Amino acid sequence: MEDTSLLTLLSTLVSNLGFPIVLAGYLLLRFEKKIESLSQAFLELLHVIREEVHKRK
């Protein structure tokens, strides 16, 4: 996508949807990978905690 068409699309979205909605969408897309890695870290932590609990029994 060309820079001009991206800029046109962005300005159209802002004028139609409003700045807060466009900003929220941008942040959700940007932080999606970070959220996925955080979820994976929680699952790994849960696995380690379960292993430690079973070792102590």
N, C-alpha and C. Protein backbone atom coordinates (compact mmCIF):
# COMPACT_ATOMS: atom_id res chain seq x y z
N MET A 1 0.85 -1.18 0.00
CA MET A 1 0.00 0.00 0.00
C MET A 1 0.90 1.23 0.00
N GLU A 2 0.57 2.18 -0.84
CA GLU A 2 1.36 3.39 -0.91
C GLU A 2 1.14 4.26 0.32
N ASP A 3 2.11 5.10 0.60
CA ASP A 3 2.01 6.00 1.76
C ASP A 3 0.83 6.94 1.65
N THR A 4 0.56 7.43 0.45
CA THR A 4 -0.55 8.37 0.29
C THR A 4 -1.89 7.70 0.51
N SER A 5 -2.02 6.46 0.03
CA SER A 5 -3.30 5.77 0.23
C SER A 5 -3.47 5.38 1.70
N LEU A 6 -2.39 5.05 2.38
CA LEU A 6 -2.46 4.74 3.80
C LEU A 6 -2.85 5.98 4.59
N LEU A 7 -2.28 7.10 4.23
CA LEU A 7 -2.62 8.36 4.89
C LEU A 7 -4.07 8.75 4.63
N THR A 8 -4.52 8.55 3.41
CA THR A 8 -5.92 8.83 3.08
C THR A 8 -6.86 7.92 3.86
N LEU A 9 -6.53 6.64 3.93
CA LEU A 9 -7.34 5.69 4.70
C LEU A 9 -7.38 6.08 6.16
N LEU A 10 -6.24 6.42 6.72
CA LEU A 10 -6.18 6.80 8.13
C LEU A 10 -6.99 8.07 8.41
N SER A 11 -6.88 9.06 7.55
CA SER A 11 -7.65 10.29 7.77
C SER A 11 -9.14 10.04 7.60
N THR A 12 -9.53 9.14 6.69
CA THR A 12 -10.94 8.79 6.52
C THR A 12 -11.47 8.08 7.76
N LEU A 13 -10.68 7.16 8.29
CA LEU A 13 -11.10 6.45 9.51
C LEU A 13 -11.26 7.41 10.68
N VAL A 14 -10.32 8.32 10.83
CA VAL A 14 -10.39 9.27 11.94
C VAL A 14 -11.62 10.15 11.80
N SER A 15 -11.90 10.61 10.60
CA SER A 15 -13.05 11.50 10.42
C SER A 15 -14.36 10.76 10.58
N ASN A 16 -14.41 9.48 10.20
CA ASN A 16 -15.65 8.71 10.29
C ASN A 16 -15.86 8.09 11.66
N LEU A 17 -14.83 7.56 12.24
CA LEU A 17 -14.97 6.82 13.49
C LEU A 17 -14.57 7.60 14.73
N GLY A 18 -13.73 8.54 14.55
CA GLY A 18 -13.27 9.30 15.70
C GLY A 18 -11.90 8.84 16.14
N PHE A 19 -11.18 9.77 16.69
CA PHE A 19 -9.81 9.50 17.10
C PHE A 19 -9.68 8.39 18.16
N PRO A 20 -10.51 8.36 19.21
CA PRO A 20 -10.33 7.31 20.23
C PRO A 20 -10.51 5.89 19.69
N ILE A 21 -11.43 5.70 18.78
CA ILE A 21 -11.65 4.36 18.22
C ILE A 21 -10.48 3.94 17.35
N VAL A 22 -10.01 4.86 16.53
CA VAL A 22 -8.86 4.55 15.68
C VAL A 22 -7.62 4.27 16.53
N LEU A 23 -7.41 5.05 17.56
CA LEU A 23 -6.27 4.84 18.44
C LEU A 23 -6.36 3.49 19.15
N ALA A 24 -7.53 3.14 19.64
CA ALA A 24 -7.71 1.85 20.31
C ALA A 24 -7.44 0.70 19.34
N GLY A 25 -7.91 0.81 18.12
CA GLY A 25 -7.64 -0.22 17.12
C GLY A 25 -6.17 -0.35 16.82
N TYR A 26 -5.50 0.77 16.69
CA TYR A 26 -4.06 0.76 16.43
C TYR A 26 -3.30 0.08 17.58
N LEU A 27 -3.66 0.44 18.81
CA LEU A 27 -2.97 -0.15 19.95
C LEU A 27 -3.23 -1.64 20.06
N LEU A 28 -4.45 -2.06 19.79
CA LEU A 28 -4.75 -3.49 19.83
C LEU A 28 -3.93 -4.26 18.81
N LEU A 29 -3.82 -3.73 17.62
CA LEU A 29 -3.03 -4.40 16.59
C LEU A 29 -1.55 -4.41 16.94
N ARG A 30 -1.08 -3.32 17.50
CA ARG A 30 0.35 -3.21 17.82
C ARG A 30 0.77 -4.13 18.97
N PHE A 31 -0.10 -4.24 19.98
CA PHE A 31 0.25 -5.02 21.16
C PHE A 31 -0.22 -6.46 21.11
N GLU A 32 -0.76 -6.89 19.98
CA GLU A 32 -1.28 -8.26 19.88
C GLU A 32 -0.18 -9.29 20.16
N LYS A 33 0.99 -9.12 19.59
CA LYS A 33 2.08 -10.08 19.80
C LYS A 33 2.53 -10.09 21.26
N LYS A 34 2.55 -8.92 21.87
CA LYS A 34 2.97 -8.84 23.27
C LYS A 34 1.95 -9.54 24.17
N ILE A 35 0.69 -9.42 23.84
CA ILE A 35 -0.36 -10.09 24.62
C ILE A 35 -0.23 -11.59 24.47
N GLU A 36 0.05 -12.06 23.25
CA GLU A 36 0.23 -13.49 23.03
C GLU A 36 1.42 -14.03 23.80
N SER A 37 2.53 -13.30 23.82
CA SER A 37 3.70 -13.77 24.55
C SER A 37 3.45 -13.75 26.06
N LEU A 38 2.68 -12.79 26.53
CA LEU A 38 2.31 -12.75 27.94
C LEU A 38 1.44 -13.94 28.31
N SER A 39 0.52 -14.30 27.45
CA SER A 39 -0.32 -15.48 27.68
C SER A 39 0.53 -16.74 27.75
N GLN A 40 1.50 -16.85 26.85
CA GLN A 40 2.40 -18.00 26.85
C GLN A 40 3.21 -18.05 28.14
N ALA A 41 3.65 -16.91 28.63
CA ALA A 41 4.42 -16.87 29.87
C ALA A 41 3.56 -17.31 31.05
N PHE A 42 2.29 -16.93 31.07
CA PHE A 42 1.39 -17.38 32.13
C PHE A 42 1.21 -18.89 32.10
N LEU A 43 1.08 -19.45 30.90
CA LEU A 43 0.92 -20.91 30.78
C LEU A 43 2.18 -21.64 31.26
N GLU A 44 3.35 -21.11 30.92
CA GLU A 44 4.59 -21.72 31.37
C GLU A 44 4.73 -21.63 32.89
N LEU A 45 4.35 -20.51 33.46
CA LEU A 45 4.40 -20.34 34.90
C LEU A 45 3.46 -21.32 35.59
N LEU A 46 2.27 -21.49 35.05
CA LEU A 46 1.32 -22.45 35.60
C LEU A 46 1.89 -23.86 35.56
N HIS A 47 2.56 -24.20 34.47
CA HIS A 47 3.17 -25.53 34.35
C HIS A 47 4.26 -25.73 35.41
N VAL A 48 5.10 -24.73 35.61
CA VAL A 48 6.17 -24.82 36.61
C VAL A 48 5.59 -24.94 38.02
N ILE A 49 4.55 -24.17 38.31
CA ILE A 49 3.93 -24.24 39.64
C ILE A 49 3.34 -25.62 39.88
N ARG A 50 2.67 -26.17 38.89
CA ARG A 50 2.10 -27.53 39.03
C ARG A 50 3.20 -28.57 39.27
N GLU A 51 4.31 -28.45 38.55
CA GLU A 51 5.42 -29.39 38.75
C GLU A 51 5.97 -29.29 40.17
N GLU A 52 6.13 -28.08 40.68
CA GLU A 52 6.64 -27.89 42.04
C GLU A 52 5.68 -28.45 43.08
N VAL A 53 4.40 -28.29 42.87
CA VAL A 53 3.40 -28.80 43.80
C VAL A 53 3.47 -30.33 43.82
N HIS A 54 3.60 -30.95 42.65
CA HIS A 54 3.68 -32.41 42.61
C HIS A 54 4.97 -32.93 43.22
N LYS A 55 6.07 -32.20 43.13
CA LYS A 55 7.34 -32.62 43.72
C LYS A 55 7.24 -32.61 45.25
N ARG A 56 6.49 -31.72 45.81
CA ARG A 56 6.40 -31.59 47.27
C ARG A 56 5.45 -32.57 47.91
N LYS A 57 4.66 -33.26 47.11
CA LYS A 57 3.70 -34.23 47.67
C LYS A 57 4.35 -35.53 47.99
